[in-house]
């Protein structure tokens, strides 16, 4: 079993990587919205997007949202984004191993602080 569930489901490699990146970004944004305690309307106002876009993100319906848009929205939310196009260095690995083409948006600066820090696992966690 790989770290990319879309590969495990039989998607072609290129499509599986793009779907995985989209789902990771959506999960990170969903966690950020939940951590802040925002309603979808508040999140839309704060992130300067229409509320239906927030609804798509929190419900995992991101297939029509571009990776570029999701990256920009993640940055707008103040979440660091790191892109890796190869295997992580064995010597410098501090969190997990990232396969080629994966993207990491970190929530570490938000974890364990404020309301929602003891929340359930995101519904996007498997993706």
N, C-alpha and C. Protein backbone atom coordinates (compact mmCIF):
# COMPACT_ATOMS: atom_id res chain seq x y z
N UNK A 1 0.85 -1.18 0.00
CA UNK A 1 0.00 0.00 0.00
C UNK A 1 0.89 1.25 0.00
N UNK A 2 0.62 2.15 -0.91
CA UNK A 2 1.43 3.37 -1.02
C UNK A 2 0.90 4.46 -0.09
N UNK A 3 1.58 5.58 -0.08
CA UNK A 3 1.12 6.73 0.71
C UNK A 3 0.12 7.56 -0.07
N UNK A 4 -0.15 7.15 -1.29
CA UNK A 4 -1.11 7.86 -2.12
C UNK A 4 -2.28 6.92 -2.40
N UNK A 5 -3.42 7.15 -1.76
CA UNK A 5 -4.56 6.25 -1.94
C UNK A 5 -5.08 6.23 -3.37
N UNK A 6 -4.83 7.28 -4.12
CA UNK A 6 -5.30 7.32 -5.50
C UNK A 6 -4.50 6.35 -6.37
N UNK A 7 -3.22 6.16 -6.07
CA UNK A 7 -2.44 5.13 -6.76
C UNK A 7 -3.00 3.76 -6.42
N UNK A 8 -3.32 3.56 -5.14
CA UNK A 8 -3.86 2.28 -4.68
C UNK A 8 -5.21 1.97 -5.34
N UNK A 9 -5.94 3.01 -5.70
CA UNK A 9 -7.24 2.82 -6.36
C UNK A 9 -7.10 2.60 -7.86
N UNK A 10 -5.88 2.67 -8.37
CA UNK A 10 -5.65 2.37 -9.77
C UNK A 10 -5.63 3.55 -10.72
N UNK A 11 -5.61 4.77 -10.19
CA UNK A 11 -5.51 5.94 -11.06
C UNK A 11 -4.13 5.95 -11.72
N UNK A 12 -4.04 6.49 -12.95
CA UNK A 12 -2.71 6.66 -13.55
C UNK A 12 -1.86 7.55 -12.65
N UNK A 13 -0.55 7.32 -12.65
CA UNK A 13 0.36 8.00 -11.73
C UNK A 13 0.19 9.52 -11.74
N UNK A 14 0.18 10.14 -12.92
CA UNK A 14 0.07 11.61 -13.00
C UNK A 14 -1.22 12.11 -12.37
N UNK A 15 -2.31 11.43 -12.68
CA UNK A 15 -3.61 11.83 -12.12
C UNK A 15 -3.66 11.59 -10.62
N UNK A 16 -3.10 10.47 -10.18
CA UNK A 16 -3.10 10.13 -8.75
C UNK A 16 -2.33 11.18 -7.95
N UNK A 17 -1.20 11.62 -8.48
CA UNK A 17 -0.41 12.63 -7.76
C UNK A 17 -1.17 13.94 -7.68
N UNK A 18 -1.79 14.37 -8.78
CA UNK A 18 -2.56 15.62 -8.77
C UNK A 18 -3.75 15.52 -7.80
N UNK A 19 -4.44 14.41 -7.81
CA UNK A 19 -5.58 14.23 -6.89
C UNK A 19 -5.11 14.23 -5.44
N UNK A 20 -3.97 13.62 -5.18
CA UNK A 20 -3.45 13.57 -3.82
C UNK A 20 -3.06 14.96 -3.34
N UNK A 21 -2.40 15.72 -4.19
CA UNK A 21 -2.02 17.09 -3.82
C UNK A 21 -3.27 17.92 -3.52
N UNK A 22 -4.28 17.83 -4.39
CA UNK A 22 -5.53 18.57 -4.15
C UNK A 22 -6.14 18.19 -2.82
N UNK A 23 -6.21 16.90 -2.53
CA UNK A 23 -6.85 16.46 -1.29
C UNK A 23 -6.04 16.89 -0.06
N UNK A 24 -4.69 16.89 -0.17
CA UNK A 24 -3.86 17.35 0.95
C UNK A 24 -4.10 18.83 1.23
N UNK A 25 -4.15 19.63 0.18
CA UNK A 25 -4.39 21.06 0.36
C UNK A 25 -5.78 21.30 0.95
N UNK A 26 -6.78 20.59 0.43
CA UNK A 26 -8.14 20.75 0.95
C UNK A 26 -8.22 20.36 2.42
N UNK A 27 -7.56 19.27 2.78
CA UNK A 27 -7.56 18.82 4.18
C UNK A 27 -6.91 19.85 5.08
N UNK A 28 -5.82 20.43 4.63
CA UNK A 28 -5.13 21.45 5.42
C UNK A 28 -6.01 22.68 5.59
N UNK A 29 -6.64 23.12 4.52
CA UNK A 29 -7.54 24.27 4.62
C UNK A 29 -8.73 23.96 5.52
N UNK A 30 -9.28 22.76 5.40
CA UNK A 30 -10.40 22.34 6.26
C UNK A 30 -9.98 22.37 7.73
N UNK A 31 -8.79 21.86 8.03
CA UNK A 31 -8.29 21.88 9.41
C UNK A 31 -8.11 23.31 9.91
N UNK A 32 -7.61 24.17 9.05
CA UNK A 32 -7.40 25.57 9.42
C UNK A 32 -8.74 26.24 9.74
N UNK A 33 -9.72 26.02 8.90
CA UNK A 33 -11.05 26.60 9.10
C UNK A 33 -11.64 26.08 10.41
N UNK A 34 -11.51 24.78 10.64
CA UNK A 34 -12.03 24.18 11.86
C UNK A 34 -11.30 24.72 13.09
N UNK A 35 -9.98 24.82 12.99
CA UNK A 35 -9.17 25.32 14.11
C UNK A 35 -9.56 26.76 14.48
N UNK A 36 -9.80 27.56 13.48
CA UNK A 36 -10.20 28.95 13.71
C UNK A 36 -11.63 29.06 14.23
N UNK A 37 -12.39 28.00 14.10
CA UNK A 37 -13.78 28.03 14.54
C UNK A 37 -14.68 28.81 13.60
N UNK A 38 -14.26 28.94 12.35
CA UNK A 38 -15.03 29.72 11.38
C UNK A 38 -16.19 28.93 10.81
N UNK A 39 -17.27 29.61 10.58
CA UNK A 39 -18.34 29.05 9.76
C UNK A 39 -17.86 29.13 8.32
N UNK A 40 -18.57 28.50 7.41
CA UNK A 40 -18.21 28.60 6.00
C UNK A 40 -18.29 30.05 5.52
N UNK A 41 -19.27 30.77 6.00
CA UNK A 41 -19.42 32.18 5.62
C UNK A 41 -18.25 33.00 6.12
N UNK A 42 -17.85 32.79 7.38
CA UNK A 42 -16.70 33.52 7.93
C UNK A 42 -15.43 33.17 7.18
N UNK A 43 -15.24 31.88 6.88
CA UNK A 43 -14.05 31.46 6.15
C UNK A 43 -14.01 32.11 4.77
N UNK A 44 -15.15 32.18 4.11
CA UNK A 44 -15.21 32.81 2.78
C UNK A 44 -14.82 34.28 2.87
N UNK A 45 -15.30 34.97 3.89
CA UNK A 45 -14.95 36.38 4.06
C UNK A 45 -13.46 36.54 4.35
N UNK A 46 -12.93 35.73 5.25
CA UNK A 46 -11.52 35.84 5.64
C UNK A 46 -10.58 35.50 4.48
N UNK A 47 -10.96 34.50 3.69
CA UNK A 47 -10.09 34.05 2.60
C UNK A 47 -10.44 34.69 1.26
N UNK A 48 -11.46 35.54 1.28
CA UNK A 48 -11.85 36.32 0.09
C UNK A 48 -12.23 35.45 -1.11
N UNK A 49 -13.07 34.46 -0.83
CA UNK A 49 -13.63 33.60 -1.88
C UNK A 49 -15.12 33.44 -1.63
N UNK A 50 -15.88 33.02 -2.63
CA UNK A 50 -17.31 32.79 -2.41
C UNK A 50 -17.53 31.61 -1.45
N UNK A 51 -18.60 31.67 -0.69
CA UNK A 51 -18.92 30.60 0.27
C UNK A 51 -19.04 29.24 -0.40
N UNK A 52 -19.61 29.11 -1.60
CA UNK A 52 -19.67 27.78 -2.22
C UNK A 52 -18.29 27.16 -2.45
N UNK A 53 -17.27 27.98 -2.63
CA UNK A 53 -15.91 27.46 -2.78
C UNK A 53 -15.45 26.83 -1.48
N UNK A 54 -15.74 27.48 -0.36
CA UNK A 54 -15.41 26.92 0.95
C UNK A 54 -16.16 25.62 1.17
N UNK A 55 -17.42 25.58 0.78
CA UNK A 55 -18.22 24.36 0.90
C UNK A 55 -17.57 23.21 0.14
N UNK A 56 -17.09 23.48 -1.07
CA UNK A 56 -16.41 22.44 -1.85
C UNK A 56 -15.17 21.94 -1.12
N UNK A 57 -14.43 22.85 -0.54
CA UNK A 57 -13.19 22.47 0.15
C UNK A 57 -13.49 21.62 1.37
N UNK A 58 -14.39 22.06 2.23
CA UNK A 58 -14.64 21.32 3.48
C UNK A 58 -15.37 20.00 3.21
N UNK A 59 -16.03 19.88 2.08
CA UNK A 59 -16.72 18.64 1.75
C UNK A 59 -15.90 17.75 0.82
N UNK A 60 -14.69 18.17 0.48
CA UNK A 60 -13.80 17.34 -0.32
C UNK A 60 -14.13 17.29 -1.80
N UNK A 61 -14.92 18.23 -2.27
CA UNK A 61 -15.29 18.27 -3.70
C UNK A 61 -14.38 19.24 -4.44
N UNK A 62 -13.11 18.89 -4.54
CA UNK A 62 -12.11 19.82 -5.06
C UNK A 62 -11.63 19.46 -6.46
N UNK A 63 -12.26 18.51 -7.10
CA UNK A 63 -11.78 18.08 -8.42
C UNK A 63 -11.82 19.19 -9.46
N UNK A 64 -12.64 20.20 -9.27
CA UNK A 64 -12.71 21.32 -10.22
C UNK A 64 -11.92 22.54 -9.77
N UNK A 65 -11.27 22.45 -8.62
CA UNK A 65 -10.42 23.53 -8.13
C UNK A 65 -8.98 23.20 -8.51
N UNK A 66 -8.29 24.15 -9.10
CA UNK A 66 -6.92 23.89 -9.53
C UNK A 66 -5.97 23.82 -8.33
N UNK A 67 -4.89 23.09 -8.53
CA UNK A 67 -3.86 23.02 -7.50
C UNK A 67 -3.31 24.42 -7.24
N UNK A 68 -3.11 25.19 -8.30
CA UNK A 68 -2.60 26.55 -8.15
C UNK A 68 -3.53 27.39 -7.27
N UNK A 69 -4.84 27.30 -7.50
CA UNK A 69 -5.80 28.06 -6.69
C UNK A 69 -5.72 27.62 -5.23
N UNK A 70 -5.67 26.31 -4.99
CA UNK A 70 -5.61 25.81 -3.62
C UNK A 70 -4.31 26.21 -2.92
N UNK A 71 -3.21 26.24 -3.65
CA UNK A 71 -1.95 26.70 -3.07
C UNK A 71 -2.07 28.16 -2.68
N UNK A 72 -2.59 28.98 -3.59
CA UNK A 72 -2.75 30.41 -3.30
C UNK A 72 -3.66 30.63 -2.09
N UNK A 73 -4.73 29.86 -2.00
CA UNK A 73 -5.66 30.00 -0.88
C UNK A 73 -4.99 29.56 0.42
N UNK A 74 -4.18 28.51 0.36
CA UNK A 74 -3.44 28.05 1.54
C UNK A 74 -2.47 29.11 2.02
N UNK A 75 -1.76 29.74 1.09
CA UNK A 75 -0.84 30.82 1.44
C UNK A 75 -1.60 32.01 2.00
N UNK A 76 -2.75 32.33 1.38
CA UNK A 76 -3.58 33.44 1.86
C UNK A 76 -4.02 33.19 3.30
N UNK A 77 -4.21 31.92 3.66
CA UNK A 77 -4.62 31.57 5.02
C UNK A 77 -3.45 31.65 6.00
N UNK A 78 -2.25 31.90 5.47
CA UNK A 78 -1.08 32.01 6.34
C UNK A 78 -0.44 30.67 6.66
N UNK A 79 -0.73 29.66 5.87
CA UNK A 79 -0.19 28.32 6.11
C UNK A 79 1.03 28.12 5.21
N UNK A 80 2.16 27.74 5.78
CA UNK A 80 3.35 27.50 4.95
C UNK A 80 3.12 26.33 3.99
N UNK A 81 3.61 26.46 2.78
CA UNK A 81 3.50 25.41 1.78
C UNK A 81 4.91 25.05 1.31
N UNK A 82 5.19 23.76 1.26
CA UNK A 82 6.49 23.28 0.78
C UNK A 82 6.24 22.28 -0.33
N UNK A 83 6.92 22.44 -1.45
CA UNK A 83 6.78 21.55 -2.59
C UNK A 83 8.06 20.74 -2.72
N UNK A 84 7.92 19.44 -2.90
CA UNK A 84 9.07 18.57 -3.10
C UNK A 84 8.88 17.81 -4.40
N UNK A 85 9.88 17.82 -5.25
CA UNK A 85 9.76 17.12 -6.52
C UNK A 85 10.60 15.85 -6.57
N UNK A 86 11.16 15.45 -5.46
CA UNK A 86 11.96 14.23 -5.41
C UNK A 86 11.86 13.60 -4.04
N UNK A 87 12.67 12.61 -3.81
CA UNK A 87 12.67 11.94 -2.51
C UNK A 87 13.36 12.80 -1.46
N UNK A 88 12.83 12.79 -0.25
CA UNK A 88 13.42 13.57 0.84
C UNK A 88 14.77 12.99 1.22
N UNK A 89 15.66 13.84 1.63
CA UNK A 89 16.99 13.40 2.06
C UNK A 89 16.86 12.54 3.31
N UNK A 90 17.52 11.40 3.32
CA UNK A 90 17.48 10.52 4.49
C UNK A 90 18.08 11.21 5.71
N UNK A 91 19.12 12.02 5.50
CA UNK A 91 19.80 12.66 6.62
C UNK A 91 18.98 13.79 7.23
N UNK A 92 18.17 14.46 6.44
CA UNK A 92 17.46 15.62 6.94
C UNK A 92 15.98 15.35 7.20
N UNK A 93 15.54 14.13 7.06
CA UNK A 93 14.13 13.82 7.25
C UNK A 93 13.75 14.04 8.71
N UNK A 94 12.75 14.88 8.95
CA UNK A 94 12.32 15.16 10.32
C UNK A 94 10.86 14.78 10.54
N UNK A 95 10.08 14.65 9.49
CA UNK A 95 8.67 14.33 9.69
C UNK A 95 8.32 13.03 9.00
N UNK A 96 8.19 13.02 7.69
CA UNK A 96 7.87 11.81 6.96
C UNK A 96 8.53 11.87 5.60
N UNK A 97 8.51 10.76 4.92
CA UNK A 97 9.12 10.66 3.60
C UNK A 97 8.12 11.11 2.55
N UNK A 98 8.53 12.02 1.68
CA UNK A 98 7.64 12.52 0.63
C UNK A 98 8.04 11.93 -0.70
N UNK A 99 7.12 11.26 -1.34
CA UNK A 99 7.38 10.68 -2.65
C UNK A 99 7.40 11.78 -3.71
N UNK A 100 7.91 11.47 -4.87
CA UNK A 100 8.02 12.45 -5.96
C UNK A 100 6.68 13.10 -6.23
N UNK A 101 6.69 14.40 -6.35
CA UNK A 101 5.49 15.14 -6.71
C UNK A 101 4.55 15.47 -5.58
N UNK A 102 4.88 15.13 -4.36
CA UNK A 102 3.96 15.42 -3.26
C UNK A 102 4.14 16.85 -2.78
N UNK A 103 3.12 17.36 -2.14
CA UNK A 103 3.13 18.71 -1.61
C UNK A 103 2.72 18.65 -0.16
N UNK A 104 3.36 19.44 0.67
CA UNK A 104 3.05 19.47 2.09
C UNK A 104 2.66 20.88 2.49
N UNK A 105 1.49 21.01 3.02
CA UNK A 105 1.08 22.27 3.64
C UNK A 105 1.02 21.97 5.13
N UNK A 106 1.83 22.66 5.91
CA UNK A 106 1.95 22.30 7.32
C UNK A 106 0.98 23.08 8.19
N UNK A 107 0.47 22.38 9.18
CA UNK A 107 -0.42 22.98 10.17
C UNK A 107 0.27 23.06 11.51
N UNK A 108 1.56 22.78 11.59
CA UNK A 108 2.24 22.68 12.88
C UNK A 108 2.12 23.94 13.71
N UNK A 109 2.08 25.10 13.07
CA UNK A 109 1.99 26.33 13.85
C UNK A 109 0.60 26.54 14.44
N UNK A 110 -0.37 25.74 14.01
CA UNK A 110 -1.73 25.88 14.52
C UNK A 110 -2.11 24.76 15.48
N UNK A 111 -1.41 23.63 15.43
CA UNK A 111 -1.78 22.47 16.23
C UNK A 111 -1.60 22.72 17.71
N UNK A 112 -2.56 22.24 18.47
CA UNK A 112 -2.47 22.32 19.91
C UNK A 112 -2.73 23.68 20.50
N UNK A 113 -3.22 24.61 19.72
CA UNK A 113 -3.47 25.96 20.22
C UNK A 113 -4.92 26.34 19.96
N UNK A 114 -5.54 26.93 20.92
CA UNK A 114 -6.86 27.50 20.72
C UNK A 114 -7.96 26.46 20.59
N UNK A 115 -9.17 26.94 20.23
CA UNK A 115 -10.32 26.06 20.14
C UNK A 115 -10.12 25.05 19.01
N UNK A 116 -10.63 23.83 19.24
CA UNK A 116 -10.57 22.82 18.22
C UNK A 116 -9.28 22.00 18.23
N UNK A 117 -8.39 22.25 19.20
CA UNK A 117 -7.12 21.53 19.21
C UNK A 117 -7.30 20.06 19.56
N UNK A 118 -8.42 19.71 20.15
CA UNK A 118 -8.71 18.32 20.46
C UNK A 118 -9.81 17.77 19.58
N UNK A 119 -9.84 18.20 18.37
CA UNK A 119 -10.92 17.79 17.47
C UNK A 119 -10.66 16.42 16.86
N UNK A 120 -11.69 15.89 16.26
CA UNK A 120 -11.58 14.61 15.57
C UNK A 120 -10.69 14.75 14.35
N UNK A 121 -10.24 13.65 13.84
CA UNK A 121 -9.40 13.65 12.64
C UNK A 121 -10.19 14.15 11.45
N UNK A 122 -9.56 14.90 10.59
CA UNK A 122 -10.22 15.47 9.42
C UNK A 122 -10.78 14.39 8.53
N UNK A 123 -11.87 14.65 7.89
CA UNK A 123 -12.48 13.68 6.98
C UNK A 123 -11.64 13.48 5.73
N UNK A 124 -10.62 14.30 5.55
CA UNK A 124 -9.73 14.20 4.38
C UNK A 124 -8.45 13.43 4.74
N UNK A 125 -8.32 12.97 5.96
CA UNK A 125 -7.05 12.42 6.43
C UNK A 125 -6.56 11.25 5.61
N UNK A 126 -7.46 10.43 5.09
CA UNK A 126 -7.04 9.26 4.31
C UNK A 126 -6.55 9.66 2.94
N UNK A 127 -6.94 10.83 2.49
CA UNK A 127 -6.58 11.23 1.12
C UNK A 127 -5.29 11.95 1.02
